[in-house]
Amino acid sequence: MSSDVTLNELNHMHRVVAQLVLADSVYLPIFERIEHELATWQSRDRAIDRARVLLAGYKAAA
């Protein structure tokens, strides 16, 4: 069984925990952890996009 979480699952958890935080701030650390994970995911995606642009530039120059 895989423990990997998809981006869709992470976004869903973010919404659910946001509702919990409004009901009780005890859930705030979980909310912040999910936000951190989302930011990491987005950062990774941007880095991959930059790598693609870089390589496309080299291919166009060749």
C-alpha atoms as a PDB file:
ATOM      1  CA  MET A   1       0.000   0.000   0.000  1.00  0.00           C
ATOM      2  CA  SER A   2       1.371   3.410  -1.008  1.00  0.00           C
ATOM      3  CA  SER A   3       1.461   6.307   1.439  1.00  0.00           C
ATOM      4  CA  ASP A   4       1.877   8.925  -1.311  1.00  0.00           C
ATOM      5  CA  VAL A   5      -0.707  11.673  -1.298  1.00  0.00           C
ATOM      6  CA  THR A   6      -1.955  13.175  -4.538  1.00  0.00           C
ATOM      7  CA  LEU A   7      -2.272  16.908  -5.107  1.00  0.00           C
ATOM      8  CA  ASN A   8      -6.061  16.543  -5.263  1.00  0.00           C
ATOM      9  CA  GLU A   9      -6.103  14.757  -1.907  1.00  0.00           C
ATOM     10  CA  LEU A  10      -3.871  17.414  -0.391  1.00  0.00           C
ATOM     11  CA  ASN A  11      -6.127  20.214  -1.655  1.00  0.00           C
ATOM     12  CA  HIS A  12      -9.154  18.379  -0.257  1.00  0.00           C
ATOM     13  CA  MET A  13      -7.465  17.969   3.132  1.00  0.00           C
ATOM     14  CA  HIS A  14      -6.612  21.675   3.083  1.00  0.00           C
ATOM     15  CA  ARG A  15     -10.286  22.607   2.689  1.00  0.00           C
ATOM     16  CA  VAL A  16     -11.461  20.139   5.335  1.00  0.00           C
ATOM     17  CA  VAL A  17      -8.880  21.203   7.901  1.00  0.00           C
ATOM     18  CA  ALA A  18      -9.620  24.887   7.175  1.00  0.00           C
ATOM     19  CA  GLN A  19     -13.168  24.209   8.338  1.00  0.00           C
ATOM     20  CA  LEU A  20     -11.857  22.459  11.447  1.00  0.00           C
ATOM     21  CA  VAL A  21      -9.546  25.395  12.246  1.00  0.00           C
ATOM     22  CA  LEU A  22     -12.523  27.758  12.194  1.00  0.00           C
ATOM     23  CA  ALA A  23     -14.282  25.494  14.685  1.00  0.00           C
ATOM     24  CA  ASP A  24     -11.241  24.957  16.928  1.00  0.00           C
ATOM     25  CA  SER A  25      -7.740  26.422  16.600  1.00  0.00           C
ATOM     26  CA  VAL A  26      -6.245  23.183  17.946  1.00  0.00           C
ATOM     27  CA  TYR A  27      -6.168  22.079  14.280  1.00  0.00           C
ATOM     28  CA  LEU A  28      -3.983  25.025  13.219  1.00  0.00           C
ATOM     29  CA  PRO A  29      -0.681  23.056  13.235  1.00  0.00           C
ATOM     30  CA  ILE A  30      -2.199  20.505  10.840  1.00  0.00           C
ATOM     31  CA  PHE A  31      -3.468  23.301   8.603  1.00  0.00           C
ATOM     32  CA  GLU A  32      -0.015  24.896   8.562  1.00  0.00           C
ATOM     33  CA  ARG A  33       1.635  21.557   7.769  1.00  0.00           C
ATOM     34  CA  ILE A  34      -0.705  21.054   4.804  1.00  0.00           C
ATOM     35  CA  GLU A  35       0.063  24.583   3.593  1.00  0.00           C
ATOM     36  CA  HIS A  36       3.767  23.787   3.833  1.00  0.00           C
ATOM     37  CA  GLU A  37       3.291  20.594   1.829  1.00  0.00           C
ATOM     38  CA  LEU A  38       1.319  22.495  -0.839  1.00  0.00           C
ATOM     39  CA  ALA A  39       4.054  25.130  -1.070  1.00  0.00           C
ATOM     40  CA  THR A  40       6.684  22.395  -1.439  1.00  0.00           C
ATOM     41  CA  TRP A  41       4.655  20.766  -4.202  1.00  0.00           C
ATOM     42  CA  GLN A  42       4.258  24.095  -6.029  1.00  0.00           C
ATOM     43  CA  SER A  43       7.959  24.889  -5.647  1.00  0.00           C
ATOM     44  CA  ARG A  44       8.865  21.504  -7.128  1.00  0.00           C
ATOM     45  CA  ASP A  45       6.522  22.062 -10.064  1.00  0.00           C
ATOM     46  CA  ARG A  46       8.014  25.510 -10.741  1.00  0.00           C
ATOM     47  CA  ALA A  47      11.542  24.066 -10.677  1.00  0.00           C
ATOM     48  CA  ILE A  48      10.547  21.384 -13.189  1.00  0.00           C
ATOM     49  CA  ASP A  49       8.991  24.080 -15.406  1.00  0.00           C
ATOM     50  CA  ARG A  50      12.232  26.125 -15.244  1.00  0.00           C
ATOM     51  CA  ALA A  51      14.230  23.047 -16.235  1.00  0.00           C
ATOM     52  CA  ARG A  52      11.951  22.506 -19.242  1.00  0.00           C
ATOM     53  CA  VAL A  53      12.362  26.143 -20.334  1.00  0.00           C
ATOM     54  CA  LEU A  54      16.117  25.911 -19.932  1.00  0.00           C
ATOM     55  CA  LEU A  55      16.363  22.763 -22.038  1.00  0.00           C
ATOM     56  CA  ALA A  56      13.983  24.175 -24.665  1.00  0.00           C
ATOM     57  CA  GLY A  57      16.323  27.148 -24.998  1.00  0.00           C
ATOM     58  CA  TYR A  58      19.282  24.866 -25.619  1.00  0.00           C
ATOM     59  CA  LYS A  59      17.374  22.831 -28.178  1.00  0.00           C
ATOM     60  CA  ALA A  60      16.296  25.998 -30.014  1.00  0.00           C
ATOM     61  CA  ALA A  61      19.919  27.227 -30.132  1.00  0.00           C
ATOM     62  CA  ALA A  62      21.209  23.912 -31.523  1.00  0.00           C
END
